[in-house]
């Protein structure tokens, strides 16, 4: 999880673009990288599903990730979960619990840069 200061003029479109940019920066150079468009979630966050081939694994496996970005007052929260594609159905319930369980106290200040 990554928490950062949110721009005061953040819109859902700019939040989606920031999420896409973050995922591309972290995983975009991996072989077979695929990025789905942002999906609004019921809690107001955005989700992007992405995947790539892990060619260092033997045998090669496909990794699937889910990145969530939400804005809470003056803070953005980025949460990334993932695993091997074939294992994701069995992990889905537990990963969903993790994603839905965290809470950010908006009163806690971020450290000054």
C-alpha atoms as a PDB file:
ATOM      1  CA  UNK A   1       0.000   0.000   0.000  1.00  0.00           C
ATOM      2  CA  UNK A   2       1.185   3.470  -0.856  1.00  0.00           C
ATOM      3  CA  UNK A   3      -0.306   6.656   0.578  1.00  0.00           C
ATOM      4  CA  UNK A   4       0.414  10.009  -1.032  1.00  0.00           C
ATOM      5  CA  UNK A   5      -0.877  13.556  -0.990  1.00  0.00           C
ATOM      6  CA  UNK A   6      -3.822  14.119  -3.363  1.00  0.00           C
ATOM      7  CA  UNK A   7      -4.010  17.135  -5.606  1.00  0.00           C
ATOM      8  CA  UNK A   8      -6.904  19.380  -4.556  1.00  0.00           C
ATOM      9  CA  UNK A   9      -8.409  19.393  -8.061  1.00  0.00           C
ATOM     10  CA  UNK A  10      -8.412  15.604  -8.557  1.00  0.00           C
ATOM     11  CA  UNK A  11     -11.222  14.304 -10.766  1.00  0.00           C
ATOM     12  CA  UNK A  12     -12.240  10.684 -11.408  1.00  0.00           C
ATOM     13  CA  UNK A  13     -10.635  10.993 -14.872  1.00  0.00           C
ATOM     14  CA  UNK A  14      -7.333  12.255 -13.493  1.00  0.00           C
ATOM     15  CA  UNK A  15      -7.405   9.561 -10.799  1.00  0.00           C
ATOM     16  CA  UNK A  16      -7.890   6.914 -13.522  1.00  0.00           C
ATOM     17  CA  UNK A  17      -5.048   8.363 -15.581  1.00  0.00           C
ATOM     18  CA  UNK A  18      -2.795   8.379 -12.501  1.00  0.00           C
ATOM     19  CA  UNK A  19      -3.620   4.726 -11.810  1.00  0.00           C
ATOM     20  CA  UNK A  20      -2.880   3.730 -15.415  1.00  0.00           C
ATOM     21  CA  UNK A  21       0.396   5.655 -15.319  1.00  0.00           C
ATOM     22  CA  UNK A  22       1.447   4.010 -12.051  1.00  0.00           C
ATOM     23  CA  UNK A  23       0.776   0.473 -13.306  1.00  0.00           C
ATOM     24  CA  UNK A  24       2.526   1.123 -16.638  1.00  0.00           C
ATOM     25  CA  UNK A  25       5.568   2.581 -14.850  1.00  0.00           C
ATOM     26  CA  UNK A  26       5.855  -0.435 -12.545  1.00  0.00           C
ATOM     27  CA  UNK A  27       4.961  -3.305 -14.888  1.00  0.00           C
ATOM     28  CA  UNK A  28       4.674  -1.941 -18.438  1.00  0.00           C
ATOM     29  CA  UNK A  29       8.063  -3.217 -19.588  1.00  0.00           C
ATOM     30  CA  UNK A  30       7.307  -6.846 -18.630  1.00  0.00           C
ATOM     31  CA  UNK A  31       6.795  -9.362 -21.452  1.00  0.00           C
ATOM     32  CA  UNK A  32       3.185  -9.737 -22.590  1.00  0.00           C
ATOM     33  CA  UNK A  33       2.000  -6.793 -20.471  1.00  0.00           C
ATOM     34  CA  UNK A  34      -1.769  -6.202 -20.731  1.00  0.00           C
ATOM     35  CA  UNK A  35      -3.661  -3.381 -19.013  1.00  0.00           C
ATOM     36  CA  UNK A  36      -7.455  -3.176 -18.777  1.00  0.00           C
ATOM     37  CA  UNK A  37      -9.192   0.208 -18.466  1.00  0.00           C
ATOM     38  CA  UNK A  38      -9.996   1.555 -14.980  1.00  0.00           C
ATOM     39  CA  UNK A  39     -13.211   0.223 -13.446  1.00  0.00           C
ATOM     40  CA  UNK A  40     -15.093   2.352 -10.879  1.00  0.00           C
ATOM     41  CA  UNK A  41     -15.755   0.386  -7.677  1.00  0.00           C
ATOM     42  CA  UNK A  42     -18.804   0.670  -5.375  1.00  0.00           C
ATOM     43  CA  UNK A  43     -16.671   2.350  -2.674  1.00  0.00           C
ATOM     44  CA  UNK A  44     -15.599   5.131  -5.064  1.00  0.00           C
ATOM     45  CA  UNK A  45     -12.136   3.713  -5.765  1.00  0.00           C
ATOM     46  CA  UNK A  46     -10.874   2.708  -9.183  1.00  0.00           C
ATOM     47  CA  UNK A  47      -9.540  -0.728 -10.096  1.00  0.00           C
ATOM     48  CA  UNK A  48      -7.267  -1.760 -12.950  1.00  0.00           C
ATOM     49  CA  UNK A  49      -6.626  -5.409 -13.804  1.00  0.00           C
ATOM     50  CA  UNK A  50      -3.277  -6.066 -15.474  1.00  0.00           C
ATOM     51  CA  UNK A  51      -1.088  -9.041 -16.298  1.00  0.00           C
ATOM     52  CA  UNK A  52       2.266 -10.062 -17.729  1.00  0.00           C
ATOM     53  CA  UNK A  53       4.382 -13.156 -18.389  1.00  0.00           C
ATOM     54  CA  UNK A  54       6.965 -13.985 -15.721  1.00  0.00           C
ATOM     55  CA  UNK A  55       9.656 -15.462 -17.944  1.00  0.00           C
ATOM     56  CA  UNK A  56      12.034 -15.956 -15.010  1.00  0.00           C
ATOM     57  CA  UNK A  57       9.735 -18.586 -13.529  1.00  0.00           C
ATOM     58  CA  UNK A  58      10.246 -22.166 -14.666  1.00  0.00           C
ATOM     59  CA  UNK A  59       7.934 -22.852 -16.370  1.00  0.00           C
ATOM     60  CA  UNK A  60       6.845 -19.374 -17.466  1.00  0.00           C
ATOM     61  CA  UNK A  61       3.690 -18.229 -15.648  1.00  0.00           C
ATOM     62  CA  UNK A  62       1.217 -15.427 -16.212  1.00  0.00           C
ATOM     63  CA  UNK A  63       0.923 -12.970 -13.308  1.00  0.00           C
ATOM     64  CA  UNK A  64      -2.349 -11.108 -12.791  1.00  0.00           C
ATOM     65  CA  UNK A  65      -2.593  -8.036 -10.620  1.00  0.00           C
ATOM     66  CA  UNK A  66      -5.327  -5.779  -9.367  1.00  0.00           C
ATOM     67  CA  UNK A  67      -4.436  -2.190  -8.524  1.00  0.00           C
ATOM     68  CA  UNK A  68      -6.859   0.009  -6.598  1.00  0.00           C
ATOM     69  CA  UNK A  69      -6.594   3.773  -6.215  1.00  0.00           C
ATOM     70  CA  UNK A  70      -8.866   5.798  -3.978  1.00  0.00           C
ATOM     71  CA  UNK A  71      -8.932   9.368  -2.739  1.00  0.00           C
ATOM     72  CA  UNK A  72      -9.737  10.052   0.899  1.00  0.00           C
ATOM     73  CA  UNK A  73      -9.849  13.781   1.610  1.00  0.00           C
ATOM     74  CA  UNK A  74      -6.311  15.003   0.884  1.00  0.00           C
ATOM     75  CA  UNK A  75      -4.767  11.522   0.475  1.00  0.00           C
ATOM     76  CA  UNK A  76      -4.545   8.983  -2.345  1.00  0.00           C
ATOM     77  CA  UNK A  77      -4.235   5.332  -1.414  1.00  0.00           C
ATOM     78  CA  UNK A  78      -2.791   2.789  -3.847  1.00  0.00           C
ATOM     79  CA  UNK A  79      -3.226  -0.915  -3.070  1.00  0.00           C
ATOM     80  CA  UNK A  80      -1.814  -3.662  -5.312  1.00  0.00           C
ATOM     81  CA  UNK A  81      -2.608  -7.376  -4.998  1.00  0.00           C
ATOM     82  CA  UNK A  82      -1.865 -10.205  -7.367  1.00  0.00           C
ATOM     83  CA  UNK A  83      -0.667 -13.687  -8.060  1.00  0.00           C
ATOM     84  CA  UNK A  84      -0.350 -16.422 -10.651  1.00  0.00           C
ATOM     85  CA  UNK A  85      -3.388 -16.377 -12.973  1.00  0.00           C
ATOM     86  CA  UNK A  86      -4.266 -20.035 -12.344  1.00  0.00           C
ATOM     87  CA  UNK A  87      -4.264 -19.424  -8.575  1.00  0.00           C
ATOM     88  CA  UNK A  88      -6.339 -16.246  -8.617  1.00  0.00           C
ATOM     89  CA  UNK A  89      -9.769 -17.960  -8.424  1.00  0.00           C
ATOM     90  CA  UNK A  90      -8.759 -19.720  -5.182  1.00  0.00           C
ATOM     91  CA  UNK A  91      -7.227 -16.493  -3.788  1.00  0.00           C
ATOM     92  CA  UNK A  92     -10.049 -14.169  -4.820  1.00  0.00           C
ATOM     93  CA  UNK A  93     -12.080 -14.317  -1.574  1.00  0.00           C
ATOM     94  CA  UNK A  94      -9.058 -13.711   0.666  1.00  0.00           C
ATOM     95  CA  UNK A  95      -7.690 -10.949  -1.569  1.00  0.00           C
ATOM     96  CA  UNK A  96     -11.104  -9.294  -1.570  1.00  0.00           C
ATOM     97  CA  UNK A  97     -11.098  -9.343   2.249  1.00  0.00           C
ATOM     98  CA  UNK A  98      -7.726  -7.582   2.248  1.00  0.00           C
ATOM     99  CA  UNK A  99      -8.863  -4.972  -0.263  1.00  0.00           C
ATOM    100  CA  UNK A 100     -12.090  -4.235   1.603  1.00  0.00           C
ATOM    101  CA  UNK A 101     -10.624  -4.336   5.117  1.00  0.00           C
ATOM    102  CA  UNK A 102      -8.157  -1.464   5.173  1.00  0.00           C
ATOM    103  CA  UNK A 103      -9.243   1.926   6.468  1.00  0.00           C
ATOM    104  CA  UNK A 104      -7.379   5.192   6.254  1.00  0.00           C
ATOM    105  CA  UNK A 105      -7.814   7.696   9.049  1.00  0.00           C
ATOM    106  CA  UNK A 106      -7.973  11.016   7.165  1.00  0.00           C
ATOM    107  CA  UNK A 107      -6.930  12.911  10.317  1.00  0.00           C
ATOM    108  CA  UNK A 108      -3.449  11.358  10.365  1.00  0.00           C
ATOM    109  CA  UNK A 109      -1.069  13.738   8.611  1.00  0.00           C
ATOM    110  CA  UNK A 110       1.409  12.634   5.969  1.00  0.00           C
ATOM    111  CA  UNK A 111       5.072  13.336   6.672  1.00  0.00           C
ATOM    112  CA  UNK A 112       6.330  16.506   5.042  1.00  0.00           C
ATOM    113  CA  UNK A 113       8.558  15.826   2.020  1.00  0.00           C
END
